[in-house]
Amino acid sequence: MYKCHICGRAICAKHTKFTITCINCASKDEKIDFSIREATVKDREVIGGIVKNFWGEDVQLTFGKKFLVKKLPVFAAVVDGNIVGFISYYNLN
């Protein structure tokens, strides 16, 4: 799940645009100050909303197992106090 770094709107992977830019052409002014943190209780609610908006439901089926994403171990990417991305995981072993 992605969010627009300008307006914060949720964007699916199909509608994102990535570019390859060399270090000489990258503008130093375009750097985004972000942090990664273990999700808080409040973050988990936001992440649950993102999951529901993107996939239409809270529960995801992966590897034949159902997961409630906001209940998994999850890390949030944060810009200006707003969650702009996340990663969750589950140990299958």
PDB file of N, CA and C in Angstrom:
ATOM      1  N   MET A   1       0.851  -1.173   0.000  1.00  0.00           N
ATOM      2  CA  MET A   1       0.000   0.000   0.000  1.00  0.00           C
ATOM      3  C   MET A   1       0.888   1.225   0.000  1.00  0.00           C
ATOM      4  N   TYR A   2       0.551   2.174  -0.818  1.00  0.00           N
ATOM      5  CA  TYR A   2       1.320   3.407  -0.921  1.00  0.00           C
ATOM      6  C   TYR A   2       0.419   4.598  -0.652  1.00  0.00           C
ATOM      7  N   LYS A   3       1.031   5.690  -0.241  1.00  0.00           N
ATOM      8  CA  LYS A   3       0.319   6.956  -0.093  1.00  0.00           C
ATOM      9  C   LYS A   3       1.083   8.021  -0.861  1.00  0.00           C
ATOM     10  N   CYS A   4       0.351   8.924  -1.485  1.00  0.00           N
ATOM     11  CA  CYS A   4       0.968  10.052  -2.170  1.00  0.00           C
ATOM     12  C   CYS A   4       1.718  10.900  -1.145  1.00  0.00           C
ATOM     13  N   HIS A   5       2.988  11.193  -1.397  1.00  0.00           N
ATOM     14  CA  HIS A   5       3.763  11.970  -0.429  1.00  0.00           C
ATOM     15  C   HIS A   5       3.371  13.443  -0.419  1.00  0.00           C
ATOM     16  N   ILE A   6       2.542  13.856  -1.364  1.00  0.00           N
ATOM     17  CA  ILE A   6       2.104  15.255  -1.415  1.00  0.00           C
ATOM     18  C   ILE A   6       0.754  15.433  -0.723  1.00  0.00           C
ATOM     19  N   CYS A   7      -0.250  14.653  -1.152  1.00  0.00           N
ATOM     20  CA  CYS A   7      -1.601  14.841  -0.598  1.00  0.00           C
ATOM     21  C   CYS A   7      -2.006  13.767   0.403  1.00  0.00           C
ATOM     22  N   GLY A   8      -1.263  12.642   0.464  1.00  0.00           N
ATOM     23  CA  GLY A   8      -1.569  11.586   1.425  1.00  0.00           C
ATOM     24  C   GLY A   8      -2.610  10.584   0.959  1.00  0.00           C
ATOM     25  N   ARG A   9      -3.122  10.743  -0.260  1.00  0.00           N
ATOM     26  CA  ARG A   9      -4.134   9.825  -0.774  1.00  0.00           C
ATOM     27  C   ARG A   9      -3.563   8.430  -0.951  1.00  0.00           C
ATOM     28  N   ALA A  10      -4.337   7.394  -0.625  1.00  0.00           N
ATOM     29  CA  ALA A  10      -3.909   6.007  -0.807  1.00  0.00           C
ATOM     30  C   ALA A  10      -3.816   5.686  -2.295  1.00  0.00           C
ATOM     31  N   ILE A  11      -2.755   4.967  -2.674  1.00  0.00           N
ATOM     32  CA  ILE A  11      -2.522   4.613  -4.073  1.00  0.00           C
ATOM     33  C   ILE A  11      -2.165   3.132  -4.136  1.00  0.00           C
ATOM     34  N   CYS A  12      -2.817   2.386  -5.017  1.00  0.00           N
ATOM     35  CA  CYS A  12      -2.446   0.980  -5.197  1.00  0.00           C
ATOM     36  C   CYS A  12      -1.193   0.905  -6.075  1.00  0.00           C
ATOM     37  N   ALA A  13      -0.502  -0.225  -6.017  1.00  0.00           N
ATOM     38  CA  ALA A  13       0.752  -0.390  -6.758  1.00  0.00           C
ATOM     39  C   ALA A  13       0.563  -0.182  -8.265  1.00  0.00           C
ATOM     40  N   LYS A  14      -0.604  -0.497  -8.787  1.00  0.00           N
ATOM     41  CA  LYS A  14      -0.881  -0.351 -10.216  1.00  0.00           C
ATOM     42  C   LYS A  14      -0.803   1.115 -10.665  1.00  0.00           C
ATOM     43  N   HIS A  15      -1.095   2.042  -9.761  1.00  0.00           N
ATOM     44  CA  HIS A  15      -1.159   3.451 -10.120  1.00  0.00           C
ATOM     45  C   HIS A  15       0.013   4.282  -9.607  1.00  0.00           C
ATOM     46  N   THR A  16       1.057   3.647  -9.124  1.00  0.00           N
ATOM     47  CA  THR A  16       2.234   4.383  -8.673  1.00  0.00           C
ATOM     48  C   THR A  16       3.189   4.601  -9.832  1.00  0.00           C
ATOM     49  N   LYS A  17       4.042   5.568  -9.699  1.00  0.00           N
ATOM     50  CA  LYS A  17       5.048   5.859 -10.719  1.00  0.00           C
ATOM     51  C   LYS A  17       6.418   5.875 -10.049  1.00  0.00           C
ATOM     52  N   PHE A  18       7.309   5.033 -10.515  1.00  0.00           N
ATOM     53  CA  PHE A  18       8.674   4.999 -10.026  1.00  0.00           C
ATOM     54  C   PHE A  18       9.599   5.458 -11.145  1.00  0.00           C
ATOM     55  N   THR A  19      10.653   6.155 -10.789  1.00  0.00           N
ATOM     56  CA  THR A  19      11.641   6.560 -11.767  1.00  0.00           C
ATOM     57  C   THR A  19      13.023   6.222 -11.240  1.00  0.00           C
ATOM     58  N   ILE A  20      13.950   6.016 -12.154  1.00  0.00           N
ATOM     59  CA  ILE A  20      15.340   5.776 -11.804  1.00  0.00           C
ATOM     60  C   ILE A  20      16.078   7.087 -12.033  1.00  0.00           C
ATOM     61  N   THR A  21      16.745   7.582 -11.002  1.00  0.00           N
ATOM     62  CA  THR A  21      17.449   8.857 -11.075  1.00  0.00           C
ATOM     63  C   THR A  21      18.850   8.686 -10.514  1.00  0.00           C
ATOM     64  N   CYS A  22      19.848   9.162 -11.264  1.00  0.00           N
ATOM     65  CA  CYS A  22      21.222   9.073 -10.762  1.00  0.00           C
ATOM     66  C   CYS A  22      21.438  10.095  -9.656  1.00  0.00           C
ATOM     67  N   ILE A  23      22.463   9.885  -8.866  1.00  0.00           N
ATOM     68  CA  ILE A  23      22.756  10.760  -7.739  1.00  0.00           C
ATOM     69  C   ILE A  23      23.037  12.198  -8.178  1.00  0.00           C
ATOM     70  N   ASN A  24      23.591  12.393  -9.372  1.00  0.00           N
ATOM     71  CA  ASN A  24      23.888  13.745  -9.856  1.00  0.00           C
ATOM     72  C   ASN A  24      22.633  14.534 -10.216  1.00  0.00           C
ATOM     73  N   CYS A  25      21.563  13.819 -10.587  1.00  0.00           N
ATOM     74  CA  CYS A  25      20.339  14.498 -11.005  1.00  0.00           C
ATOM     75  C   CYS A  25      19.296  14.601  -9.890  1.00  0.00           C
ATOM     76  N   ALA A  26      19.484  13.853  -8.836  1.00  0.00           N
ATOM     77  CA  ALA A  26      18.516  13.893  -7.733  1.00  0.00           C
ATOM     78  C   ALA A  26      18.635  15.230  -7.008  1.00  0.00           C
ATOM     79  N   SER A  27      17.521  15.880  -6.828  1.00  0.00           N
ATOM     80  CA  SER A  27      17.514  17.174  -6.144  1.00  0.00           C
ATOM     81  C   SER A  27      17.626  16.951  -4.644  1.00  0.00           C
ATOM     82  N   LYS A  28      18.545  17.619  -4.028  1.00  0.00           N
ATOM     83  CA  LYS A  28      18.723  17.511  -2.587  1.00  0.00           C
ATOM     84  C   LYS A  28      17.521  18.101  -1.845  1.00  0.00           C
ATOM     85  N   ASP A  29      16.774  18.991  -2.507  1.00  0.00           N
ATOM     86  CA  ASP A  29      15.606  19.612  -1.890  1.00  0.00           C
ATOM     87  C   ASP A  29      14.410  18.672  -1.818  1.00  0.00           C
ATOM     88  N   GLU A  30      14.436  17.550  -2.539  1.00  0.00           N
ATOM     89  CA  GLU A  30      13.291  16.657  -2.598  1.00  0.00           C
ATOM     90  C   GLU A  30      13.346  15.538  -1.567  1.00  0.00           C
ATOM     91  N   LYS A  31      14.322  15.553  -0.697  1.00  0.00           N
ATOM     92  CA  LYS A  31      14.409  14.503   0.316  1.00  0.00           C
ATOM     93  C   LYS A  31      13.236  14.612   1.272  1.00  0.00           C
ATOM     94  N   ILE A  32      12.747  13.468   1.672  1.00  0.00           N
ATOM     95  CA  ILE A  32      11.623  13.408   2.594  1.00  0.00           C
ATOM     96  C   ILE A  32      12.149  12.935   3.944  1.00  0.00           C
ATOM     97  N   ASP A  33      11.859  13.686   4.980  1.00  0.00           N
ATOM     98  CA  ASP A  33      12.250  13.312   6.330  1.00  0.00           C
ATOM     99  C   ASP A  33      11.218  12.307   6.839  1.00  0.00           C
ATOM    100  N   PHE A  34      11.642  11.067   7.070  1.00  0.00           N
ATOM    101  CA  PHE A  34      10.711  10.034   7.510  1.00  0.00           C
ATOM    102  C   PHE A  34      11.340   9.240   8.645  1.00  0.00           C
ATOM    103  N   SER A  35      10.494   8.464   9.304  1.00  0.00           N
ATOM    104  CA  SER A  35      10.979   7.554  10.340  1.00  0.00           C
ATOM    105  C   SER A  35      10.228   6.240  10.217  1.00  0.00           C
ATOM    106  N   ILE A  36      10.842   5.198  10.742  1.00  0.00           N
ATOM    107  CA  ILE A  36      10.223   3.872  10.805  1.00  0.00           C
ATOM    108  C   ILE A  36      10.091   3.538  12.279  1.00  0.00           C
ATOM    109  N   ARG A  37       8.918   3.112  12.676  1.00  0.00           N
ATOM    110  CA  ARG A  37       8.724   2.748  14.084  1.00  0.00           C
ATOM    111  C   ARG A  37       7.815   1.534  14.190  1.00  0.00           C
ATOM    112  N   GLU A  38       7.939   0.848  15.310  1.00  0.00           N
ATOM    113  CA  GLU A  38       7.007  -0.233  15.596  1.00  0.00           C
ATOM    114  C   GLU A  38       5.638   0.421  15.782  1.00  0.00           C
ATOM    115  N   ALA A  39       4.625  -0.166  15.191  1.00  0.00           N
ATOM    116  CA  ALA A  39       3.295   0.446  15.209  1.00  0.00           C
ATOM    117  C   ALA A  39       2.731   0.526  16.625  1.00  0.00           C
ATOM    118  N   THR A  40       2.152   1.676  16.929  1.00  0.00           N
ATOM    119  CA  THR A  40       1.452   1.881  18.198  1.00  0.00           C
ATOM    120  C   THR A  40       0.022   1.363  18.061  1.00  0.00           C
ATOM    121  N   VAL A  41      -0.713   1.376  19.141  1.00  0.00           N
ATOM    122  CA  VAL A  41      -2.124   0.972  19.101  1.00  0.00           C
ATOM    123  C   VAL A  41      -2.882   1.860  18.123  1.00  0.00           C
ATOM    124  N   LYS A  42      -2.629   3.170  18.182  1.00  0.00           N
ATOM    125  CA  LYS A  42      -3.287   4.114  17.267  1.00  0.00           C
ATOM    126  C   LYS A  42      -2.877   3.832  15.821  1.00  0.00           C
ATOM    127  N   ASP A  43      -1.581   3.569  15.592  1.00  0.00           N
ATOM    128  CA  ASP A  43      -1.097   3.237  14.245  1.00  0.00           C
ATOM    129  C   ASP A  43      -1.832   2.029  13.691  1.00  0.00           C
ATOM    130  N   ARG A  44      -2.043   1.028  14.527  1.00  0.00           N
ATOM    131  CA  ARG A  44      -2.692  -0.212  14.079  1.00  0.00           C
ATOM    132  C   ARG A  44      -4.109   0.054  13.576  1.00  0.00           C
ATOM    133  N   GLU A  45      -4.807   0.985  14.218  1.00  0.00           N
ATOM    134  CA  GLU A  45      -6.147   1.338  13.754  1.00  0.00           C
ATOM    135  C   GLU A  45      -6.078   2.001  12.381  1.00  0.00           C
ATOM    136  N   VAL A  46      -5.110   2.899  12.184  1.00  0.00           N
ATOM    137  CA  VAL A  46      -4.919   3.554  10.883  1.00  0.00           C
ATOM    138  C   VAL A  46      -4.561   2.506   9.833  1.00  0.00           C
ATOM    139  N   ILE A  47      -3.653   1.609  10.175  1.00  0.00           N
ATOM    140  CA  ILE A  47      -3.233   0.545   9.247  1.00  0.00           C
ATOM    141  C   ILE A  47      -4.420  -0.346   8.895  1.00  0.00           C
ATOM    142  N   GLY A  48      -5.255  -0.669   9.887  1.00  0.00           N
ATOM    143  CA  GLY A  48      -6.468  -1.451   9.613  1.00  0.00           C
ATOM    144  C   GLY A  48      -7.368  -0.753   8.613  1.00  0.00           C
ATOM    145  N   GLY A  49      -7.484   0.572   8.730  1.00  0.00           N
ATOM    146  CA  GLY A  49      -8.292   1.345   7.775  1.00  0.00           C
ATOM    147  C   GLY A  49      -7.694   1.341   6.385  1.00  0.00           C
ATOM    148  N   ILE A  50      -6.366   1.449   6.312  1.00  0.00           N
ATOM    149  CA  ILE A  50      -5.689   1.410   5.009  1.00  0.00           C
ATOM    150  C   ILE A  50      -5.927   0.062   4.346  1.00  0.00           C
ATOM    151  N   VAL A  51      -5.767  -1.015   5.114  1.00  0.00           N
ATOM    152  CA  VAL A  51      -5.976  -2.367   4.575  1.00  0.00           C
ATOM    153  C   VAL A  51      -7.405  -2.521   4.075  1.00  0.00           C
ATOM    154  N   LYS A  52      -8.360  -2.087   4.885  1.00  0.00           N
ATOM    155  CA  LYS A  52      -9.771  -2.223   4.497  1.00  0.00           C
ATOM    156  C   LYS A  52     -10.084  -1.395   3.246  1.00  0.00           C
ATOM    157  N   ASN A  53      -9.554  -0.169   3.169  1.00  0.00           N
ATOM    158  CA  ASN A  53      -9.781   0.673   1.980  1.00  0.00           C
ATOM    159  C   ASN A  53      -9.145   0.070   0.734  1.00  0.00           C
ATOM    160  N   PHE A  54      -7.955  -0.496   0.873  1.00  0.00           N
ATOM    161  CA  PHE A  54      -7.235  -1.019  -0.275  1.00  0.00           C
ATOM    162  C   PHE A  54      -7.781  -2.364  -0.749  1.00  0.00           C
ATOM    163  N   TRP A  55      -8.003  -3.295   0.197  1.00  0.00           N
ATOM    164  CA  TRP A  55      -8.433  -4.640  -0.180  1.00  0.00           C
ATOM    165  C   TRP A  55      -9.917  -4.901   0.058  1.00  0.00           C
ATOM    166  N   GLY A  56     -10.619  -3.957   0.693  1.00  0.00           N
ATOM    167  CA  GLY A  56     -12.053  -4.110   0.878  1.00  0.00           C
ATOM    168  C   GLY A  56     -12.452  -4.908   2.106  1.00  0.00           C
ATOM    169  N   GLU A  57     -11.494  -5.395   2.862  1.00  0.00           N
ATOM    170  CA  GLU A  57     -11.795  -6.145   4.085  1.00  0.00           C
ATOM    171  C   GLU A  57     -10.557  -6.164   4.986  1.00  0.00           C
ATOM    172  N   ASP A  58     -10.798  -6.457   6.260  1.00  0.00           N
ATOM    173  CA  ASP A  58      -9.704  -6.480   7.238  1.00  0.00           C
ATOM    174  C   ASP A  58      -8.879  -7.752   7.159  1.00  0.00           C
ATOM    175  N   VAL A  59      -9.527  -8.862   6.864  1.00  0.00           N
ATOM    176  CA  VAL A  59      -8.873 -10.172   6.888  1.00  0.00           C
ATOM    177  C   VAL A  59      -8.271 -10.475   5.513  1.00  0.00           C
ATOM    178  N   GLN A  60      -7.010 -10.902   5.514  1.00  0.00           N
ATOM    179  CA  GLN A  60      -6.316 -11.263   4.283  1.00  0.00           C
ATOM    180  C   GLN A  60      -5.992 -12.744   4.298  1.00  0.00           C
ATOM    181  N   LEU A  61      -6.109 -13.395   3.165  1.00  0.00           N
ATOM    182  CA  LEU A  61      -5.806 -14.814   3.019  1.00  0.00           C
ATOM    183  C   LEU A  61      -4.490 -14.948   2.262  1.00  0.00           C
ATOM    184  N   THR A  62      -3.486 -15.509   2.930  1.00  0.00           N
ATOM    185  CA  THR A  62      -2.164 -15.697   2.345  1.00  0.00           C
ATOM    186  C   THR A  62      -1.638 -17.059   2.763  1.00  0.00           C
ATOM    187  N   PHE A  63      -1.085 -17.802   1.827  1.00  0.00           N
ATOM    188  CA  PHE A  63      -0.551 -19.140   2.103  1.00  0.00           C
ATOM    189  C   PHE A  63      -1.594 -20.033   2.771  1.00  0.00           C
ATOM    190  N   GLY A  64      -2.859 -19.857   2.395  1.00  0.00           N
ATOM    191  CA  GLY A  64      -3.936 -20.676   2.946  1.00  0.00           C
ATOM    192  C   GLY A  64      -4.288 -20.348   4.384  1.00  0.00           C
ATOM    193  N   LYS A  65      -3.804 -19.240   4.900  1.00  0.00           N
ATOM    194  CA  LYS A  65      -4.043 -18.836   6.285  1.00  0.00           C
ATOM    195  C   LYS A  65      -4.658 -17.438   6.299  1.00  0.00           C
ATOM    196  N   LYS A  66      -5.615 -17.216   7.197  1.00  0.00           N
ATOM    197  CA  LYS A  66      -6.250 -15.904   7.316  1.00  0.00           C
ATOM    198  C   LYS A  66      -5.509 -15.064   8.347  1.00  0.00           C
ATOM    199  N   PHE A  67      -5.318 -13.778   8.008  1.00  0.00           N
ATOM    200  CA  PHE A  67      -4.617 -12.853   8.879  1.00  0.00           C
ATOM    201  C   PHE A  67      -5.427 -11.573   9.051  1.00  0.00           C
ATOM    202  N   LEU A  68      -5.455 -11.054  10.256  1.00  0.00           N
ATOM    203  CA  LEU A  68      -5.963  -9.721  10.522  1.00  0.00           C
ATOM    204  C   LEU A  68      -4.716  -8.852  10.602  1.00  0.00           C
ATOM    205  N   VAL A  69      -4.425  -8.111   9.536  1.00  0.00           N
ATOM    206  CA  VAL A  69      -3.150  -7.421   9.365  1.00  0.00           C
ATOM    207  C   VAL A  69      -2.806  -6.540  10.563  1.00  0.00           C
ATOM    208  N   LYS A  70      -3.769  -5.800  11.080  1.00  0.00           N
ATOM    209  CA  LYS A  70      -3.465  -4.881  12.184  1.00  0.00           C
ATOM    210  C   LYS A  70      -3.100  -5.615  13.474  1.00  0.00           C
ATOM    211  N   LYS A  71      -3.315  -6.923  13.533  1.00  0.00           N
ATOM    212  CA  LYS A  71      -2.942  -7.710  14.713  1.00  0.00           C
ATOM    213  C   LYS A  71      -1.566  -8.363  14.560  1.00  0.00           C
ATOM    214  N   LEU A  72      -0.981  -8.313  13.366  1.00  0.00           N
ATOM    215  CA  LEU A  72       0.346  -8.889  13.123  1.00  0.00           C
ATOM    216  C   LEU A  72       1.429  -7.939  13.635  1.00  0.00           C
ATOM    217  N   PRO A  73       2.656  -8.440  13.818  1.00  0.00           N
ATOM    218  CA  PRO A  73       3.753  -7.510  14.073  1.00  0.00           C
ATOM    219  C   PRO A  73       3.848  -6.569  12.860  1.00  0.00           C
ATOM    220  N   VAL A  74       3.937  -5.271  13.121  1.00  0.00           N
ATOM    221  CA  VAL A  74       3.907  -4.304  12.021  1.00  0.00           C
ATOM    222  C   VAL A  74       4.776  -3.093  12.355  1.00  0.00           C
ATOM    223  N   PHE A  75       5.433  -2.583  11.319  1.00  0.00           N
ATOM    224  CA  PHE A  75       6.227  -1.365  11.418  1.00  0.00           C
ATOM    225  C   PHE A  75       5.595  -0.333  10.497  1.00  0.00           C
ATOM    226  N   ALA A  76       5.591   0.921  10.944  1.00  0.00           N
ATOM    227  CA  ALA A  76       4.983   2.002  10.177  1.00  0.00           C
ATOM    228  C   ALA A  76       6.044   2.986   9.701  1.00  0.00           C
ATOM    229  N   ALA A  77       5.898   3.443   8.458  1.00  0.00           N
ATOM    230  CA  ALA A  77       6.713   4.540   7.920  1.00  0.00           C
ATOM    231  C   ALA A  77       5.911   5.813   8.147  1.00  0.00           C
ATOM    232  N   VAL A  78       6.563   6.814   8.752  1.00  0.00           N
ATOM    233  CA  VAL A  78       5.850   8.021   9.172  1.00  0.00           C
ATOM    234  C   VAL A  78       6.526   9.275   8.613  1.00  0.00           C
ATOM    235  N   VAL A  79       5.701  10.174   8.047  1.00  0.00           N
ATOM    236  CA  VAL A  79       6.158  11.486   7.572  1.00  0.00           C
ATOM    237  C   VAL A  79       5.237  12.530   8.201  1.00  0.00           C
ATOM    238  N   ASP A  80       5.827  13.506   8.864  1.00  0.00           N
ATOM    239  CA  ASP A  80       5.054  14.583   9.498  1.00  0.00           C
ATOM    240  C   ASP A  80       3.932  14.047  10.385  1.00  0.00           C
ATOM    241  N   GLY A  81       4.190  12.951  11.096  1.00  0.00           N
ATOM    242  CA  GLY A  81       3.203  12.379  12.007  1.00  0.00           C
ATOM    243  C   GLY A  81       2.145  11.517  11.343  1.00  0.00           C
ATOM    244  N   ASN A  82       2.202  11.363  10.013  1.00  0.00           N
ATOM    245  CA  ASN A  82       1.211  10.574   9.275  1.00  0.00           C
ATOM    246  C   ASN A  82       1.826   9.272   8.771  1.00  0.00           C
ATOM    247  N   ILE A  83       1.073   8.199   8.866  1.00  0.00           N
ATOM    248  CA  ILE A  83       1.540   6.919   8.337  1.00  0.00           C
ATOM    249  C   ILE A  83       1.458   6.977   6.819  1.00  0.00           C
ATOM    250  N   VAL A  84       2.600   6.731   6.162  1.00  0.00           N
ATOM    251  CA  VAL A  84       2.655   6.759   4.702  1.00  0.00           C
ATOM    252  C   VAL A  84       2.949   5.380   4.126  1.00  0.00           C
ATOM    253  N   GLY A  85       3.175   4.410   4.986  1.00  0.00           N
ATOM    254  CA  GLY A  85       3.431   3.050   4.549  1.00  0.00           C
ATOM    255  C   GLY A  85       3.595   2.150   5.752  1.00  0.00           C
ATOM    256  N   PHE A  86       3.568   0.848   5.516  1.00  0.00           N
ATOM    257  CA  PHE A  86       3.767  -0.098   6.606  1.00  0.00           C
ATOM    258  C   PHE A  86       4.216  -1.434   6.049  1.00  0.00           C
ATOM    259  N   ILE A  87       4.784  -2.244   6.925  1.00  0.00           N
ATOM    260  CA  ILE A  87       5.120  -3.618   6.582  1.00  0.00           C
ATOM    261  C   ILE A  87       4.750  -4.484   7.782  1.00  0.00           C
ATOM    262  N   SER A  88       4.079  -5.577   7.497  1.00  0.00           N
ATOM    263  CA  SER A  88       3.716  -6.523   8.548  1.00  0.00           C
ATOM    264  C   SER A  88       4.264  -7.892   8.160  1.00  0.00           C
ATOM    265  N   TYR A  89       4.353  -8.758   9.144  1.00  0.00           N
ATOM    266  CA  TYR A  89       4.915 -10.077   8.871  1.00  0.00           C
ATOM    267  C   TYR A  89       4.335 -11.121   9.802  1.00  0.00           C
ATOM    268  N   TYR A  90       4.552 -12.386   9.413  1.00  0.00           N
ATOM    269  CA  TYR A  90       4.121 -13.525  10.217  1.00  0.00           C
ATOM    270  C   TYR A  90       5.126 -14.644   9.984  1.00  0.00           C
ATOM    271  N   ASN A  91       5.587 -15.259  11.046  1.00  0.00           N
ATOM    272  CA  ASN A  91       6.534 -16.368  10.937  1.00  0.00           C
ATOM    273  C   ASN A  91       5.754 -17.648  10.658  1.00  0.00           C
ATOM    274  N   LEU A  92       5.928 -18.211   9.469  1.00  0.00           N
ATOM    275  CA  LEU A  92       5.188 -19.410   9.081  1.00  0.00           C
ATOM    276  C   LEU A  92       5.737 -20.683   9.727  1.00  0.00           C
ATOM    277  N   ASN A  93       6.908 -20.610  10.332  1.00  0.00           N
ATOM    278  CA  ASN A  93       7.516 -21.801  10.952  1.00  0.00           C
ATOM    279  C   ASN A  93       7.007 -22.043  12.347  1.00  0.00           C
TER     280      ASN A  93
END
